[in-house]
Amino acid sequence: MGKPERGPRERMVFSAAQLIRRDGVQATGMRDVAAHAGAPRGSLQHYFPGGKEQLVGEALRWAGRYAAERVDRFLAAMERPTPSGLFAAMVTQWTDEYEAAGFAAGCPVAAATVDCAGSSDATREAAADAFATWTRPVADALTGMGVPAARSEPLATLMISALEGAIVITRAERDVRALTTVARELGPLLDAAVMPA
């Protein structure tokens, strides 16, 4: 049985996330989102009475959920999960994308934070929620691998921060060097946090 097809609302949220990750919030117009989603322009007001700010917030929350779900998929694909293995999988998702499709897009949450954190409390809060949604499963995974609970959340924050920074550098340099560097250099530190059984 196939996945159910996305309705117009879900397509617009997904499209907004894709356009924001490529162009930023300021350059992403509501009409662009409707066109990208293949949705009637009139449906924007129907589904998003709060306008662009509501749509951006929902796109960021979608991105946070997507990142959190990827953590579960990465773990399921590992025979013996380790902190460095999880981080390497998070990084590989991006290196694979950049090597296959070029360097045009980054993380929509980071893009929205840069564009709007100082001007829109709603967007800043949605970005913070997205990062928290992503951080929780990373921290839980680390705890499950034997990292003390008191260190799991700070290390999850470190992993996500390093990844986001490497994405920005990678896009600027048009080279995956920063991504492969953070995976290689941070991996041993992450594994050293695991308490012996």
Protein backbone atom coordinates (compact mmCIF):
# COMPACT_ATOMS: atom_id res chain seq x y z
CA MET A 1 0.00 0.00 0.00
CA GLY A 2 1.42 3.40 -1.03
CA LYS A 3 1.68 6.53 1.04
CA PRO A 4 -1.42 8.72 0.98
CA GLU A 5 -1.03 11.68 -1.32
CA ARG A 6 -0.50 15.04 0.35
CA GLY A 7 -3.42 17.42 0.25
CA PRO A 8 -3.02 21.04 -0.85
CA ARG A 9 -2.35 22.30 2.68
CA GLU A 10 0.40 19.75 3.33
CA ARG A 11 1.91 20.41 -0.10
CA MET A 12 2.06 24.13 0.65
CA VAL A 13 3.78 23.57 4.02
CA PHE A 14 6.29 21.24 2.36
CA SER A 15 6.83 23.66 -0.53
CA ALA A 16 7.34 26.57 1.86
CA ALA A 17 10.05 24.58 3.67
CA GLN A 18 11.75 23.73 0.36
CA LEU A 19 11.69 27.32 -0.89
CA ILE A 20 12.86 28.74 2.45
CA ARG A 21 15.81 26.32 2.53
CA ARG A 22 16.83 27.51 -0.92
CA ASP A 23 15.91 31.22 -0.94
CA GLY A 24 15.25 32.26 2.67
CA VAL A 25 12.04 33.63 4.14
CA GLN A 26 12.22 37.12 2.69
CA ALA A 27 12.58 35.88 -0.89
CA THR A 28 9.85 33.25 -0.58
CA GLY A 29 6.50 34.68 -1.60
CA MET A 30 3.10 33.18 -0.96
CA ARG A 31 2.45 32.95 -4.70
CA ASP A 32 5.75 31.11 -5.12
CA VAL A 33 4.66 28.59 -2.50
CA ALA A 34 1.28 28.02 -4.18
CA ALA A 35 2.94 27.57 -7.58
CA HIS A 36 5.58 25.19 -6.20
CA ALA A 37 2.86 23.17 -4.45
CA GLY A 38 0.58 23.12 -7.48
CA ALA A 39 -2.18 24.58 -5.30
CA PRO A 40 -4.72 27.25 -6.20
CA ARG A 41 -3.61 30.69 -4.98
CA GLY A 42 -7.00 31.22 -3.38
CA SER A 43 -6.34 28.31 -1.04
CA LEU A 44 -3.56 30.22 0.74
CA GLN A 45 -5.96 32.44 2.65
CA HIS A 46 -8.23 29.49 3.36
CA TYR A 47 -5.50 27.30 4.85
CA PHE A 48 -3.31 30.04 6.30
CA PRO A 49 -5.51 32.86 7.59
CA GLY A 50 -2.49 34.10 9.55
CA GLY A 51 -0.71 34.74 6.25
CA LYS A 52 2.94 34.18 5.52
CA GLU A 53 3.96 34.18 9.18
CA GLN A 54 1.64 31.24 9.88
CA LEU A 55 2.84 29.36 6.80
CA VAL A 56 6.51 29.93 7.71
CA GLY A 57 5.87 28.75 11.27
CA GLU A 58 4.22 25.57 10.05
CA ALA A 59 7.02 24.94 7.55
CA LEU A 60 9.61 25.26 10.31
CA ARG A 61 7.71 22.94 12.61
CA TRP A 62 7.43 20.45 9.73
CA ALA A 63 11.22 20.69 9.25
CA GLY A 64 11.80 19.98 12.96
CA ARG A 65 9.57 16.90 12.80
CA TYR A 66 11.29 15.73 9.62
CA ALA A 67 14.73 16.02 11.24
CA ALA A 68 13.49 14.17 14.34
CA GLU A 69 12.06 11.35 12.22
CA ARG A 70 15.36 11.06 10.36
CA VAL A 71 17.10 10.35 13.68
CA ASP A 72 14.86 7.30 14.16
CA ARG A 73 15.60 6.12 10.60
CA PHE A 74 19.33 6.53 11.07
CA LEU A 75 19.22 4.50 14.28
CA ALA A 76 17.12 1.77 12.68
CA ALA A 77 19.68 1.42 9.89
CA MET A 78 22.60 0.89 12.30
CA GLU A 79 23.51 -2.59 13.44
CA ARG A 80 25.21 -1.22 16.56
CA PRO A 81 24.37 2.45 17.14
CA THR A 82 27.13 4.70 18.42
CA PRO A 83 27.14 8.46 18.97
CA SER A 84 29.72 8.94 16.20
CA GLY A 85 27.72 6.70 13.89
CA LEU A 86 24.57 8.71 14.47
CA PHE A 87 26.39 11.98 13.83
CA ALA A 88 28.05 10.53 10.71
CA ALA A 89 24.59 9.53 9.41
CA MET A 90 23.26 13.05 10.07
CA VAL A 91 26.22 14.50 8.16
CA THR A 92 26.02 11.97 5.33
CA GLN A 93 22.43 12.99 4.60
CA TRP A 94 23.78 16.44 3.71
CA THR A 95 26.96 15.37 1.92
CA ASP A 96 24.91 13.01 -0.24
CA GLU A 97 22.46 15.79 -1.09
CA TYR A 98 25.18 18.27 -1.96
CA GLU A 99 27.12 15.78 -4.06
CA ALA A 100 23.96 14.78 -5.95
CA ALA A 101 22.11 18.07 -6.29
CA GLY A 102 24.58 20.90 -5.71
CA PHE A 103 24.79 23.45 -2.93
CA ALA A 104 21.66 25.53 -3.51
CA ALA A 105 19.73 24.59 -0.37
CA GLY A 106 20.39 24.46 3.35
CA CYS A 107 18.31 23.95 6.46
CA PRO A 108 15.02 25.88 6.38
CA VAL A 109 15.13 26.43 10.13
CA ALA A 110 18.57 28.03 9.98
CA ALA A 111 17.54 30.13 6.98
CA ALA A 112 14.43 31.42 8.75
CA THR A 113 16.39 32.14 11.91
CA VAL A 114 18.91 34.24 10.00
CA ASP A 115 16.16 36.06 8.07
CA CYS A 116 13.62 36.69 10.81
CA ALA A 117 14.79 36.02 14.36
CA GLY A 118 15.18 39.72 15.06
CA SER A 119 11.98 40.84 13.40
CA SER A 120 9.38 38.15 14.06
CA ASP A 121 8.82 36.59 17.45
CA ALA A 122 6.48 34.00 15.93
CA THR A 123 9.13 32.84 13.44
CA ARG A 124 11.85 32.84 16.10
CA GLU A 125 9.63 30.73 18.38
CA ALA A 126 8.80 28.32 15.55
CA ALA A 127 12.52 27.96 14.80
CA ALA A 128 13.30 27.35 18.48
CA ASP A 129 10.51 24.74 18.60
CA ALA A 130 11.90 23.04 15.49
CA PHE A 131 15.38 22.83 16.98
CA ALA A 132 13.95 21.48 20.26
CA THR A 133 11.91 18.88 18.35
CA TRP A 134 15.11 17.74 16.63
CA THR A 135 17.30 17.86 19.76
CA ARG A 136 15.03 15.62 21.87
CA PRO A 137 15.40 12.42 19.84
CA VAL A 138 19.14 12.98 19.39
CA ALA A 139 19.54 13.35 23.18
CA ASP A 140 17.32 10.30 23.80
CA ALA A 141 19.38 8.28 21.33
CA LEU A 142 22.61 9.27 23.07
CA THR A 143 21.17 8.27 26.44
CA GLY A 144 20.12 4.94 24.94
CA MET A 145 23.71 4.39 23.78
CA GLY A 146 25.08 4.88 27.29
CA VAL A 147 25.80 8.61 27.42
CA PRO A 148 24.84 9.94 30.88
CA ALA A 149 21.52 11.78 30.78
CA ALA A 150 23.15 14.98 32.09
CA ARG A 151 25.44 15.05 29.02
CA SER A 152 23.01 13.83 26.36
CA GLU A 153 21.17 17.08 25.74
CA PRO A 154 24.30 19.27 25.70
CA LEU A 155 25.97 16.85 23.28
CA ALA A 156 22.84 16.75 21.10
CA THR A 157 22.96 20.55 20.97
CA LEU A 158 26.65 20.38 20.06
CA MET A 159 25.94 17.88 17.27
CA ILE A 160 23.16 19.96 15.75
CA SER A 161 25.12 23.20 16.12
CA ALA A 162 28.18 21.70 14.46
CA LEU A 163 26.08 20.28 11.65
CA GLU A 164 24.27 23.57 11.03
CA GLY A 165 27.51 25.53 11.02
CA ALA A 166 29.12 23.04 8.65
CA ILE A 167 26.13 23.32 6.31
CA VAL A 168 26.60 27.09 6.12
CA ILE A 169 30.33 26.75 5.43
CA THR A 170 29.71 24.00 2.88
CA ARG A 171 27.28 26.18 0.95
CA ALA A 172 29.71 29.11 1.03
CA GLU A 173 32.66 27.01 -0.13
CA ARG A 174 30.65 24.76 -2.44
CA ASP A 175 32.61 21.88 -0.99
CA VAL A 176 31.65 19.23 1.61
CA ARG A 177 34.98 19.67 3.44
CA ALA A 178 33.39 21.30 6.51
CA LEU A 179 30.83 18.52 6.83
CA THR A 180 33.36 15.71 6.61
CA THR A 181 35.62 17.58 9.02
CA VAL A 182 33.01 17.94 11.76
CA ALA A 183 32.05 14.27 11.45
CA ARG A 184 35.67 13.14 11.70
CA GLU A 185 36.67 15.50 14.53
CA LEU A 186 33.54 15.33 16.66
CA GLY A 187 33.03 11.56 16.40
CA PRO A 188 35.71 10.51 18.95
CA LEU A 189 34.52 13.13 21.47
CA LEU A 190 30.96 11.82 21.18
CA ASP A 191 31.99 8.18 21.59
CA ALA A 192 34.15 9.07 24.60
CA ALA A 193 31.00 10.25 26.40
CA VAL A 194 29.59 6.70 26.51
CA MET A 195 29.95 5.22 29.98
CA PRO A 196 31.47 1.71 30.10
CA ALA A 197 28.87 -1.02 30.57
